[in-house]
Structure formats: structure tokens, C-alpha cells
Amino acid sequence: MGRIRTIKPGFWTHEDLSELPPETHMLAAALLNYADDEGYFNANPKLVKAACCPLREDSVSVQESLTRLAAIGFIRLGTGSDGKRYGHIPTFQRHQRVNRPRPSEIATREIAWDGAPGDSCPPLTEDSVNDHGTITDDSMGEGKGMEGKGTTSAPSGAGEEAKRSGPNRAAYPEEFEQAWSLYPKRDGGNPKAKALKAWRARRKAGIPAEDLQAGVGRYARYVRARSKEGTPYVMQTATFFGPDEHWRESWSADPPPDDRKRQHPTGGWGDHTLVDFSAREGQG
């Protein structure tokens, strides 16, 4: 039975979801209606199709779409002790406010989630799925649904924190994790998978990890000295590690001499000292 849910506008511009086939992106939205009030659902492809897209003949199968959504962390899939396949949207309860929610029957079952053989996992907590590189309340506008106020999120490089704390953590080298943790936060998307791809390209080219990390440190001080952390003026990490080699720049935390002449009366520095990278992302 379908349920009324809330979807933020940013759901449709989310980078990781938008890289998937249109049918898969649409299914991600439909799963919000299909899932129960705690974000769990029966992942039998035939049942999913009957509930989510009964009249469509899509070029991408429901099974393939579910697999793709699990790969980016939007959902997780597992097998119950009854042999049936189940799914869960990890960030569902954080971003949906359901009026008079019904307890999930699936949540009480023993489920071995894919990627953790033999492990019966409880629902993910807010801490286990929170990540500064996902769709967050900062990167997507507020929304209201008929079942209550709420927001809908899809993890960017989605579910990255869940990946860090789970069995896939090895996918991210420790030296990269150190740089990632130091990198200034930004308002907007910041896909971790793309950042890792750019990092590996630089490492393959012979760039020492220490040089890349040092560049992150300089850039972080530069951004914070201008009070721009958490704004669109911070470039995506993938762009920073990209072929333009922004990590090589000096990124002096001191205002340039010309900017001192244009100091504001309050003692602050003008926004002209930084470029809005939100319009340039994707070029690296």
C-alpha cells in the first residue's frame, strides 16, 4: 500500500542519483512511498515492480535498479531468516516525519545485510549514516508532506558514513581518510567516491600523499580565515584533487595586499577574495 511521503527538491539534482538511469532514479523516489513507516520494505523485485511501476516497461530491470541504489548507499539489501529479500532506506526516519507511524514488522526480523555475511543488523542510527558529503538539510530545501513535516534525503556518495563504519571501509585508504577529515565542509554536494577517484589519479601519477594532505591543510586554513567554511565558495574535494592541481597552490591564510586596501569598515574582508566554485564544479 502506497504512503504519502515528502521529497526535497534537491533529490532530483543529487549527483550520485542523477548518474543512475532515469528509471532507477524514479524508483528511488517510489521506494519512499513503498517502504513502511520505518523505511523497511520487501525487496522481492516482482512485488517492488507491482507497487512502484506496474504500468512501465523500463529498459532497466527492478532488480538492477535495486542493486545500483544499494551500491551508492541509498538503500541496503539483505536476506531474512525466512529466506526472503528485504530492503531498508537508512536515512528514512531522520528525514520523514510520519503522523501516527505504524511499527515495522520487518525491522523485528533477523536480517543478514549484504556485505556483512551472517551479521544481523539493527536499523542504522543517525550517527551511522550522517556524513558531510551526503544530501543533507543544508544542501536541500525544506519540504512538507500530508503525513507531517519532514524531509527526504539520499546519501551523497550516499551512505558514506555507513560505508566508513562498515565492512567496506577498506575501500578508502587511511591516507585519503585523513585528508577527507581535514577538508573544509561545503554547502552542496561533495561526492566522496569522485574525490577518491581524483585522489587515486594523483597518487598514480606519483604525487606523494603527504603533498596532497598538506594542500588540504593550506586550503582549510585559507577557507576558515575568510569564514567561508560551510558555503558554496568551498570547491568540491574532487575538484581540489583534480587535474587543475588546486592542491599545489599556496592558499595563504593572509588577505592579499590589494584586499587590505579594500578592508571593510567593520574590519572584515570582502567576499571578492573567494571564487564561487559552485558554478565551476564538474570542470575538474
C-alpha atoms as a PDB file:
ATOM      1  CA  MET A   1       0.000   0.000   0.000  1.00  0.00           C
ATOM      2  CA  GLY A   2       1.432   3.369  -1.005  1.00  0.00           C
ATOM      3  CA  ARG A   3       2.068   6.033   1.615  1.00  0.00           C
ATOM      4  CA  ILE A   4       2.330   9.813   1.375  1.00  0.00           C
ATOM      5  CA  ARG A   5       5.937  10.978   1.732  1.00  0.00           C
ATOM      6  CA  THR A   6       7.987  14.141   1.335  1.00  0.00           C
ATOM      7  CA  ILE A   7      10.690  14.707  -1.279  1.00  0.00           C
ATOM      8  CA  LYS A   8      13.069  17.665  -1.220  1.00  0.00           C
ATOM      9  CA  PRO A   9      13.823  19.488  -4.477  1.00  0.00           C
ATOM     10  CA  GLY A  10      17.483  18.531  -4.156  1.00  0.00           C
ATOM     11  CA  PHE A  11      16.558  14.869  -4.570  1.00  0.00           C
ATOM     12  CA  TRP A  12      16.278  15.477  -8.317  1.00  0.00           C
ATOM     13  CA  THR A  13      19.631  17.270  -8.612  1.00  0.00           C
ATOM     14  CA  HIS A  14      21.597  14.921  -6.366  1.00  0.00           C
ATOM     15  CA  GLU A  15      24.789  13.977  -8.207  1.00  0.00           C
ATOM     16  CA  ASP A  16      25.062  10.276  -7.365  1.00  0.00           C
ATOM     17  CA  LEU A  17      21.389   9.572  -8.045  1.00  0.00           C
ATOM     18  CA  SER A  18      21.463  11.629 -11.232  1.00  0.00           C
ATOM     19  CA  GLU A  19      24.278   9.485 -12.609  1.00  0.00           C
ATOM     20  CA  LEU A  20      21.976   6.453 -12.484  1.00  0.00           C
ATOM     21  CA  PRO A  21      19.498   5.555 -15.253  1.00  0.00           C
ATOM     22  CA  PRO A  22      16.274   7.630 -15.126  1.00  0.00           C
ATOM     23  CA  GLU A  23      14.257   4.514 -14.256  1.00  0.00           C
ATOM     24  CA  THR A  24      16.499   3.872 -11.232  1.00  0.00           C
ATOM     25  CA  HIS A  25      16.262   7.493 -10.079  1.00  0.00           C
ATOM     26  CA  MET A  26      12.455   7.295 -10.317  1.00  0.00           C
ATOM     27  CA  LEU A  27      12.423   4.010  -8.419  1.00  0.00           C
ATOM     28  CA  ALA A  28      14.379   5.639  -5.577  1.00  0.00           C
ATOM     29  CA  ALA A  29      11.523   8.121  -5.152  1.00  0.00           C
ATOM     30  CA  ALA A  30       8.890   5.389  -5.453  1.00  0.00           C
ATOM     31  CA  LEU A  31      10.574   3.343  -2.721  1.00  0.00           C
ATOM     32  CA  LEU A  32       9.821   6.146  -0.277  1.00  0.00           C
ATOM     33  CA  ASN A  33       6.123   5.505  -0.878  1.00  0.00           C
ATOM     34  CA  TYR A  34       6.585   1.737  -0.883  1.00  0.00           C
ATOM     35  CA  ALA A  35       8.600   1.471   2.345  1.00  0.00           C
ATOM     36  CA  ASP A  36       6.864   1.129   5.696  1.00  0.00           C
ATOM     37  CA  ASP A  37       6.914   3.863   8.340  1.00  0.00           C
ATOM     38  CA  GLU A  38      10.455   2.927   9.421  1.00  0.00           C
ATOM     39  CA  GLY A  39      11.909   2.719   5.918  1.00  0.00           C
ATOM     40  CA  TYR A  40      11.831  -1.092   5.502  1.00  0.00           C
ATOM     41  CA  PHE A  41      10.353  -2.938   2.524  1.00  0.00           C
ATOM     42  CA  ASN A  42      10.036  -6.355   0.914  1.00  0.00           C
ATOM     43  CA  ALA A  43      12.710  -6.353  -1.804  1.00  0.00           C
ATOM     44  CA  ASN A  44      11.199  -9.067  -3.976  1.00  0.00           C
ATOM     45  CA  PRO A  45      11.621  -7.440  -7.430  1.00  0.00           C
ATOM     46  CA  LYS A  46       8.176  -8.593  -8.567  1.00  0.00           C
ATOM     47  CA  LEU A  47       6.488  -7.021  -5.539  1.00  0.00           C
ATOM     48  CA  VAL A  48       8.523  -3.835  -5.923  1.00  0.00           C
ATOM     49  CA  LYS A  49       7.546  -3.558  -9.575  1.00  0.00           C
ATOM     50  CA  ALA A  50       3.878  -4.221  -8.818  1.00  0.00           C
ATOM     51  CA  ALA A  51       3.837  -1.479  -6.192  1.00  0.00           C
ATOM     52  CA  CYS A  52       6.187   1.097  -7.738  1.00  0.00           C
ATOM     53  CA  CYS A  53       5.993   0.839 -11.528  1.00  0.00           C
ATOM     54  CA  PRO A  54       3.215  -1.567 -12.545  1.00  0.00           C
ATOM     55  CA  LEU A  55       2.461   0.124 -15.880  1.00  0.00           C
ATOM     56  CA  ARG A  56       6.004   0.804 -17.069  1.00  0.00           C
ATOM     57  CA  GLU A  57       8.208  -1.352 -19.271  1.00  0.00           C
ATOM     58  CA  ASP A  58      11.558   0.056 -18.247  1.00  0.00           C
ATOM     59  CA  SER A  59      14.826  -0.686 -20.006  1.00  0.00           C
ATOM     60  CA  VAL A  60      16.452  -1.282 -16.601  1.00  0.00           C
ATOM     61  CA  SER A  61      15.067  -4.131 -14.509  1.00  0.00           C
ATOM     62  CA  VAL A  62      13.855  -3.527 -10.972  1.00  0.00           C
ATOM     63  CA  GLN A  63      16.500  -5.931  -9.673  1.00  0.00           C
ATOM     64  CA  GLU A  64      19.264  -3.995 -11.414  1.00  0.00           C
ATOM     65  CA  SER A  65      17.909  -0.694 -10.095  1.00  0.00           C
ATOM     66  CA  LEU A  66      17.828  -2.038  -6.530  1.00  0.00           C
ATOM     67  CA  THR A  67      21.415  -3.224  -6.904  1.00  0.00           C
ATOM     68  CA  ARG A  68      22.515   0.177  -8.216  1.00  0.00           C
ATOM     69  CA  LEU A  69      20.757   2.025  -5.378  1.00  0.00           C
ATOM     70  CA  ALA A  70      22.427  -0.252  -2.849  1.00  0.00           C
ATOM     71  CA  ALA A  71      25.814   0.410  -4.471  1.00  0.00           C
ATOM     72  CA  ILE A  72      25.560   4.149  -3.765  1.00  0.00           C
ATOM     73  CA  GLY A  73      24.163   3.615  -0.272  1.00  0.00           C
ATOM     74  CA  PHE A  74      20.630   4.919  -0.867  1.00  0.00           C
ATOM     75  CA  ILE A  75      19.300   1.548   0.341  1.00  0.00           C
ATOM     76  CA  ARG A  76      20.728  -1.602   1.849  1.00  0.00           C
ATOM     77  CA  LEU A  77      19.589  -5.094   0.893  1.00  0.00           C
ATOM     78  CA  GLY A  78      19.619  -8.286   2.893  1.00  0.00           C
ATOM     79  CA  THR A  79      18.168 -11.747   3.359  1.00  0.00           C
ATOM     80  CA  GLY A  80      15.896 -12.596   6.282  1.00  0.00           C
ATOM     81  CA  SER A  81      15.908 -15.794   8.279  1.00  0.00           C
ATOM     82  CA  ASP A  82      12.752 -16.679   6.331  1.00  0.00           C
ATOM     83  CA  GLY A  83      14.764 -16.642   3.099  1.00  0.00           C
ATOM     84  CA  LYS A  84      13.045 -13.539   1.744  1.00  0.00           C
ATOM     85  CA  ARG A  85      14.852 -10.442   0.465  1.00  0.00           C
ATOM     86  CA  TYR A  86      14.345  -7.178   2.332  1.00  0.00           C
ATOM     87  CA  GLY A  87      15.467  -3.607   1.887  1.00  0.00           C
ATOM     88  CA  HIS A  88      15.938  -0.569   4.097  1.00  0.00           C
ATOM     89  CA  ILE A  89      16.399   3.144   3.448  1.00  0.00           C
ATOM     90  CA  PRO A  90      18.964   4.067   6.155  1.00  0.00           C
ATOM     91  CA  THR A  91      18.147   7.789   6.411  1.00  0.00           C
ATOM     92  CA  PHE A  92      14.375   7.367   6.204  1.00  0.00           C
ATOM     93  CA  GLN A  93      13.475   8.097   9.831  1.00  0.00           C
ATOM     94  CA  ARG A  94      15.746  11.136  10.015  1.00  0.00           C
ATOM     95  CA  HIS A  95      14.048  12.830   7.087  1.00  0.00           C
ATOM     96  CA  GLN A  96      10.437  11.628   7.162  1.00  0.00           C
ATOM     97  CA  ARG A  97       8.039  12.771   9.867  1.00  0.00           C
ATOM     98  CA  VAL A  98       5.127  10.343   9.712  1.00  0.00           C
ATOM     99  CA  ASN A  99       1.929  11.122  11.574  1.00  0.00           C
ATOM    100  CA  ARG A 100       0.922   8.172  13.770  1.00  0.00           C
ATOM    101  CA  PRO A 101       3.566   5.778  12.375  1.00  0.00           C
ATOM    102  CA  ARG A 102       2.982   2.051  12.459  1.00  0.00           C
ATOM    103  CA  PRO A 103       5.785  -0.124  13.870  1.00  0.00           C
ATOM    104  CA  SER A 104       7.674  -2.005  11.192  1.00  0.00           C
ATOM    105  CA  GLU A 105       7.184  -5.758  11.152  1.00  0.00           C
ATOM    106  CA  ILE A 106      10.293  -6.205   9.023  1.00  0.00           C
ATOM    107  CA  ALA A 107      12.514  -4.323  11.494  1.00  0.00           C
ATOM    108  CA  THR A 108      11.936  -7.023  14.128  1.00  0.00           C
ATOM    109  CA  ARG A 109      13.166  -9.810  11.869  1.00  0.00           C
ATOM    110  CA  GLU A 110      16.623 -11.327  11.745  1.00  0.00           C
ATOM    111  CA  ILE A 111      18.202  -9.985   8.553  1.00  0.00           C
ATOM    112  CA  ALA A 112      21.721 -10.593   7.258  1.00  0.00           C
ATOM    113  CA  TRP A 113      22.502  -7.446   5.301  1.00  0.00           C
ATOM    114  CA  ASP A 114      24.590  -7.777   2.155  1.00  0.00           C
ATOM    115  CA  GLY A 115      28.254  -7.011   2.750  1.00  0.00           C
ATOM    116  CA  ALA A 116      28.103  -8.335   6.295  1.00  0.00           C
ATOM    117  CA  PRO A 117      27.635 -12.126   5.949  1.00  0.00           C
ATOM    118  CA  GLY A 118      25.946 -13.648   8.978  1.00  0.00           C
ATOM    119  CA  ASP A 119      25.505 -10.284  10.615  1.00  0.00           C
ATOM    120  CA  SER A 120      22.019  -9.410  11.806  1.00  0.00           C
ATOM    121  CA  CYS A 121      21.956  -5.629  11.732  1.00  0.00           C
ATOM    122  CA  PRO A 122      19.616  -3.303  13.637  1.00  0.00           C
ATOM    123  CA  PRO A 123      18.286  -0.178  11.900  1.00  0.00           C
ATOM    124  CA  LEU A 124      21.047   2.326  11.240  1.00  0.00           C
ATOM    125  CA  THR A 125      21.264   5.176  13.722  1.00  0.00           C
ATOM    126  CA  GLU A 126      21.575   8.847  12.827  1.00  0.00           C
ATOM    127  CA  ASP A 127      25.262   8.806  13.692  1.00  0.00           C
ATOM    128  CA  SER A 128      25.947   5.809  11.461  1.00  0.00           C
ATOM    129  CA  VAL A 129      24.585   7.471   8.335  1.00  0.00           C
ATOM    130  CA  ASN A 130      25.467  11.128   8.939  1.00  0.00           C
ATOM    131  CA  ASP A 131      28.088  12.427   6.516  1.00  0.00           C
ATOM    132  CA  HIS A 132      29.097  15.858   5.271  1.00  0.00           C
ATOM    133  CA  GLY A 133      29.163  14.534   1.773  1.00  0.00           C
ATOM    134  CA  THR A 134      25.523  13.386   1.564  1.00  0.00           C
ATOM    135  CA  ILE A 135      22.277  15.083   0.748  1.00  0.00           C
ATOM    136  CA  THR A 136      21.642  16.974   3.976  1.00  0.00           C
ATOM    137  CA  ASP A 137      19.258  19.570   5.288  1.00  0.00           C
ATOM    138  CA  ASP A 138      21.823  22.201   4.219  1.00  0.00           C
ATOM    139  CA  SER A 139      22.008  21.035   0.618  1.00  0.00           C
ATOM    140  CA  MET A 140      18.286  20.525   0.077  1.00  0.00           C
ATOM    141  CA  GLY A 141      15.315  22.728   0.850  1.00  0.00           C
ATOM    142  CA  GLU A 142      12.669  22.027   3.484  1.00  0.00           C
ATOM    143  CA  GLY A 143       9.503  20.220   2.439  1.00  0.00           C
ATOM    144  CA  LYS A 144       6.120  19.396   3.919  1.00  0.00           C
ATOM    145  CA  GLY A 145       4.012  16.293   3.355  1.00  0.00           C
ATOM    146  CA  MET A 146       0.437  15.397   4.329  1.00  0.00           C
ATOM    147  CA  GLU A 147       1.663  12.927   6.929  1.00  0.00           C
ATOM    148  CA  GLY A 148       3.650  15.579   8.758  1.00  0.00           C
ATOM    149  CA  LYS A 149       6.607  17.867   8.303  1.00  0.00           C
ATOM    150  CA  GLY A 150       9.716  16.190   7.038  1.00  0.00           C
ATOM    151  CA  THR A 151      12.463  15.962   4.537  1.00  0.00           C
ATOM    152  CA  THR A 152      13.720  13.278   2.229  1.00  0.00           C
ATOM    153  CA  SER A 153      17.364  12.549   1.844  1.00  0.00           C
ATOM    154  CA  ALA A 154      19.518  10.395  -0.282  1.00  0.00           C
ATOM    155  CA  PRO A 155      23.057   9.827   0.813  1.00  0.00           C
ATOM    156  CA  SER A 156      25.723  11.509  -1.482  1.00  0.00           C
ATOM    157  CA  GLY A 157      28.405   9.323  -2.365  1.00  0.00           C
ATOM    158  CA  ALA A 158      25.420   8.137  -0.442  1.00  0.00           C
ATOM    159  CA  GLY A 159      25.667   6.493   2.910  1.00  0.00           C
ATOM    160  CA  GLU A 160      29.368   7.245   3.033  1.00  0.00           C
ATOM    161  CA  GLU A 161      29.491   7.203   6.819  1.00  0.00           C
ATOM    162  CA  ALA A 162      27.800   3.815   6.830  1.00  0.00           C
ATOM    163  CA  LYS A 163      30.471   2.646   4.398  1.00  0.00           C
ATOM    164  CA  ARG A 164      33.244   4.056   6.616  1.00  0.00           C
ATOM    165  CA  SER A 165      31.916   2.255   9.686  1.00  0.00           C
ATOM    166  CA  GLY A 166      31.045  -0.981   7.858  1.00  0.00           C
ATOM    167  CA  PRO A 167      32.907  -3.739   6.063  1.00  0.00           C
ATOM    168  CA  ASN A 168      33.597  -1.528   3.004  1.00  0.00           C
ATOM    169  CA  ARG A 169      35.804   0.863   4.936  1.00  0.00           C
ATOM    170  CA  ALA A 170      38.852  -0.699   3.317  1.00  0.00           C
ATOM    171  CA  ALA A 171      37.735   0.881   0.054  1.00  0.00           C
ATOM    172  CA  TYR A 172      39.013   4.210   1.389  1.00  0.00           C
ATOM    173  CA  PRO A 173      42.762   4.304   2.093  1.00  0.00           C
ATOM    174  CA  GLU A 174      43.704   5.640   5.504  1.00  0.00           C
ATOM    175  CA  GLU A 175      45.792   8.425   3.955  1.00  0.00           C
ATOM    176  CA  PHE A 176      42.744   9.543   1.949  1.00  0.00           C
ATOM    177  CA  GLU A 177      40.509   9.363   5.038  1.00  0.00           C
ATOM    178  CA  GLN A 178      42.909  11.686   6.854  1.00  0.00           C
ATOM    179  CA  ALA A 179      42.723  14.233   4.048  1.00  0.00           C
ATOM    180  CA  TRP A 180      38.926  13.862   3.830  1.00  0.00           C
ATOM    181  CA  SER A 181      38.500  14.537   7.551  1.00  0.00           C
ATOM    182  CA  LEU A 182      40.570  17.733   7.282  1.00  0.00           C
ATOM    183  CA  TYR A 183      38.844  19.080   4.183  1.00  0.00           C
ATOM    184  CA  PRO A 184      36.534  22.056   4.886  1.00  0.00           C
ATOM    185  CA  LYS A 185      32.824  21.344   4.690  1.00  0.00           C
ATOM    186  CA  ARG A 186      30.771  22.944   1.947  1.00  0.00           C
ATOM    187  CA  ASP A 187      27.154  23.808   1.242  1.00  0.00           C
ATOM    188  CA  GLY A 188      26.131  21.495  -1.593  1.00  0.00           C
ATOM    189  CA  GLY A 189      27.209  18.165  -2.983  1.00  0.00           C
ATOM    190  CA  ASN A 190      30.641  16.744  -2.310  1.00  0.00           C
ATOM    191  CA  PRO A 191      30.722  13.137  -3.591  1.00  0.00           C
ATOM    192  CA  LYS A 192      33.316  11.153  -1.730  1.00  0.00           C
ATOM    193  CA  ALA A 193      33.613   8.490  -4.427  1.00  0.00           C
ATOM    194  CA  LYS A 194      34.595  11.104  -7.009  1.00  0.00           C
ATOM    195  CA  ALA A 195      37.083  12.633  -4.585  1.00  0.00           C
ATOM    196  CA  LEU A 196      38.706   9.229  -4.090  1.00  0.00           C
ATOM    197  CA  LYS A 197      38.895   8.731  -7.865  1.00  0.00           C
ATOM    198  CA  ALA A 198      40.715  12.052  -8.266  1.00  0.00           C
ATOM    199  CA  TRP A 199      42.977  11.235  -5.296  1.00  0.00           C
ATOM    200  CA  ARG A 200      43.951   7.890  -6.815  1.00  0.00           C
ATOM    201  CA  ALA A 201      44.681   9.537 -10.152  1.00  0.00           C
ATOM    202  CA  ARG A 202      47.138  11.910  -8.481  1.00  0.00           C
ATOM    203  CA  ARG A 203      48.732   9.089  -6.480  1.00  0.00           C
ATOM    204  CA  LYS A 204      49.060   7.004  -9.645  1.00  0.00           C
ATOM    205  CA  ALA A 205      50.812   9.986 -11.230  1.00  0.00           C
ATOM    206  CA  GLY A 206      53.405   9.804  -8.458  1.00  0.00           C
ATOM    207  CA  ILE A 207      52.160  12.589  -6.192  1.00  0.00           C
ATOM    208  CA  PRO A 208      53.000  11.771  -2.537  1.00  0.00           C
ATOM    209  CA  ALA A 209      50.023  11.518  -0.190  1.00  0.00           C
ATOM    210  CA  GLU A 210      51.810  13.939   2.134  1.00  0.00           C
ATOM    211  CA  ASP A 211      51.770  16.631  -0.571  1.00  0.00           C
ATOM    212  CA  LEU A 212      48.045  16.208  -1.125  1.00  0.00           C
ATOM    213  CA  GLN A 213      47.341  16.281   2.596  1.00  0.00           C
ATOM    214  CA  ALA A 214      49.488  19.379   3.021  1.00  0.00           C
ATOM    215  CA  GLY A 215      47.493  21.072   0.274  1.00  0.00           C
ATOM    216  CA  VAL A 216      44.273  20.240   2.098  1.00  0.00           C
ATOM    217  CA  GLY A 217      45.667  21.782   5.272  1.00  0.00           C
ATOM    218  CA  ARG A 218      46.581  25.023   3.493  1.00  0.00           C
ATOM    219  CA  TYR A 219      43.214  25.241   1.787  1.00  0.00           C
ATOM    220  CA  ALA A 220      41.330  24.548   5.025  1.00  0.00           C
ATOM    221  CA  ARG A 221      43.172  27.401   6.780  1.00  0.00           C
ATOM    222  CA  TYR A 222      42.527  29.661   3.783  1.00  0.00           C
ATOM    223  CA  VAL A 223      38.784  28.956   3.826  1.00  0.00           C
ATOM    224  CA  ARG A 224      38.406  29.296   7.582  1.00  0.00           C
ATOM    225  CA  ALA A 225      40.399  32.522   7.709  1.00  0.00           C
ATOM    226  CA  ARG A 226      37.758  34.006   5.419  1.00  0.00           C
ATOM    227  CA  SER A 227      34.848  32.435   7.327  1.00  0.00           C
ATOM    228  CA  LYS A 228      33.714  30.603   4.190  1.00  0.00           C
ATOM    229  CA  GLU A 229      33.512  27.063   5.524  1.00  0.00           C
ATOM    230  CA  GLY A 230      30.068  25.570   5.006  1.00  0.00           C
ATOM    231  CA  THR A 231      29.303  27.788   1.990  1.00  0.00           C
ATOM    232  CA  PRO A 232      29.184  27.162  -1.789  1.00  0.00           C
ATOM    233  CA  TYR A 233      32.509  29.013  -2.070  1.00  0.00           C
ATOM    234  CA  VAL A 234      34.309  25.828  -0.951  1.00  0.00           C
ATOM    235  CA  MET A 235      35.177  23.737  -4.016  1.00  0.00           C
ATOM    236  CA  GLN A 236      34.305  20.074  -4.155  1.00  0.00           C
ATOM    237  CA  THR A 237      37.039  17.767  -2.934  1.00  0.00           C
ATOM    238  CA  ALA A 238      37.125  16.009  -6.325  1.00  0.00           C
ATOM    239  CA  THR A 239      37.850  19.357  -7.990  1.00  0.00           C
ATOM    240  CA  PHE A 240      40.559  20.147  -5.438  1.00  0.00           C
ATOM    241  CA  PHE A 241      42.352  16.863  -6.218  1.00  0.00           C
ATOM    242  CA  GLY A 242      41.578  17.156  -9.931  1.00  0.00           C
ATOM    243  CA  PRO A 243      43.912  17.767 -12.900  1.00  0.00           C
ATOM    244  CA  ASP A 244      43.952  21.548 -12.282  1.00  0.00           C
ATOM    245  CA  GLU A 245      46.096  20.781  -9.218  1.00  0.00           C
ATOM    246  CA  HIS A 246      44.490  23.215  -6.801  1.00  0.00           C
ATOM    247  CA  TRP A 247      46.252  21.329  -4.026  1.00  0.00           C
ATOM    248  CA  ARG A 248      49.583  22.763  -5.229  1.00  0.00           C
ATOM    249  CA  GLU A 249      48.530  26.379  -4.630  1.00  0.00           C
ATOM    250  CA  SER A 250      49.840  28.313  -1.646  1.00  0.00           C
ATOM    251  CA  TRP A 251      46.396  29.206  -0.257  1.00  0.00           C
ATOM    252  CA  SER A 252      47.774  31.867   2.044  1.00  0.00           C
ATOM    253  CA  ALA A 253      45.511  32.490   5.029  1.00  0.00           C
ATOM    254  CA  ASP A 254      46.500  36.175   4.977  1.00  0.00           C
ATOM    255  CA  PRO A 255      44.423  38.569   2.839  1.00  0.00           C
ATOM    256  CA  PRO A 256      46.290  39.667  -0.328  1.00  0.00           C
ATOM    257  CA  PRO A 257      47.880  43.163  -0.171  1.00  0.00           C
ATOM    258  CA  ASP A 258      45.310  44.600  -2.603  1.00  0.00           C
ATOM    259  CA  ASP A 259      42.467  43.382  -0.427  1.00  0.00           C
ATOM    260  CA  ARG A 260      43.854  45.170   2.610  1.00  0.00           C
ATOM    261  CA  LYS A 261      43.155  48.432   0.818  1.00  0.00           C
ATOM    262  CA  ARG A 262      39.531  47.402   0.486  1.00  0.00           C
ATOM    263  CA  GLN A 263      39.048  46.313   4.085  1.00  0.00           C
ATOM    264  CA  HIS A 264      35.505  46.741   5.291  1.00  0.00           C
ATOM    265  CA  PRO A 265      34.777  49.353   7.981  1.00  0.00           C
ATOM    266  CA  THR A 266      33.938  46.556  10.394  1.00  0.00           C
ATOM    267  CA  GLY A 267      37.358  45.001   9.871  1.00  0.00           C
ATOM    268  CA  GLY A 268      36.066  42.067   7.778  1.00  0.00           C
ATOM    269  CA  TRP A 269      37.226  41.141   4.319  1.00  0.00           C
ATOM    270  CA  GLY A 270      35.071  41.305   1.221  1.00  0.00           C
ATOM    271  CA  ASP A 271      33.587  38.253  -0.493  1.00  0.00           C
ATOM    272  CA  HIS A 272      35.628  39.160  -3.580  1.00  0.00           C
ATOM    273  CA  THR A 273      38.594  37.298  -2.099  1.00  0.00           C
ATOM    274  CA  LEU A 274      36.982  33.957  -2.935  1.00  0.00           C
ATOM    275  CA  VAL A 275      35.518  32.477  -6.093  1.00  0.00           C
ATOM    276  CA  ASP A 276      32.103  30.802  -6.013  1.00  0.00           C
ATOM    277  CA  PHE A 277      33.110  27.289  -7.021  1.00  0.00           C
ATOM    278  CA  SER A 278      29.510  26.113  -7.099  1.00  0.00           C
ATOM    279  CA  ALA A 279      29.339  27.336 -10.718  1.00  0.00           C
ATOM    280  CA  ARG A 280      32.591  25.645 -11.676  1.00  0.00           C
ATOM    281  CA  GLU A 281      32.163  22.161 -10.187  1.00  0.00           C
ATOM    282  CA  GLY A 282      32.497  19.319 -12.583  1.00  0.00           C
ATOM    283  CA  GLN A 283      35.237  21.021 -14.583  1.00  0.00           C
ATOM    284  CA  GLY A 284      37.950  19.190 -12.657  1.00  0.00           C
END
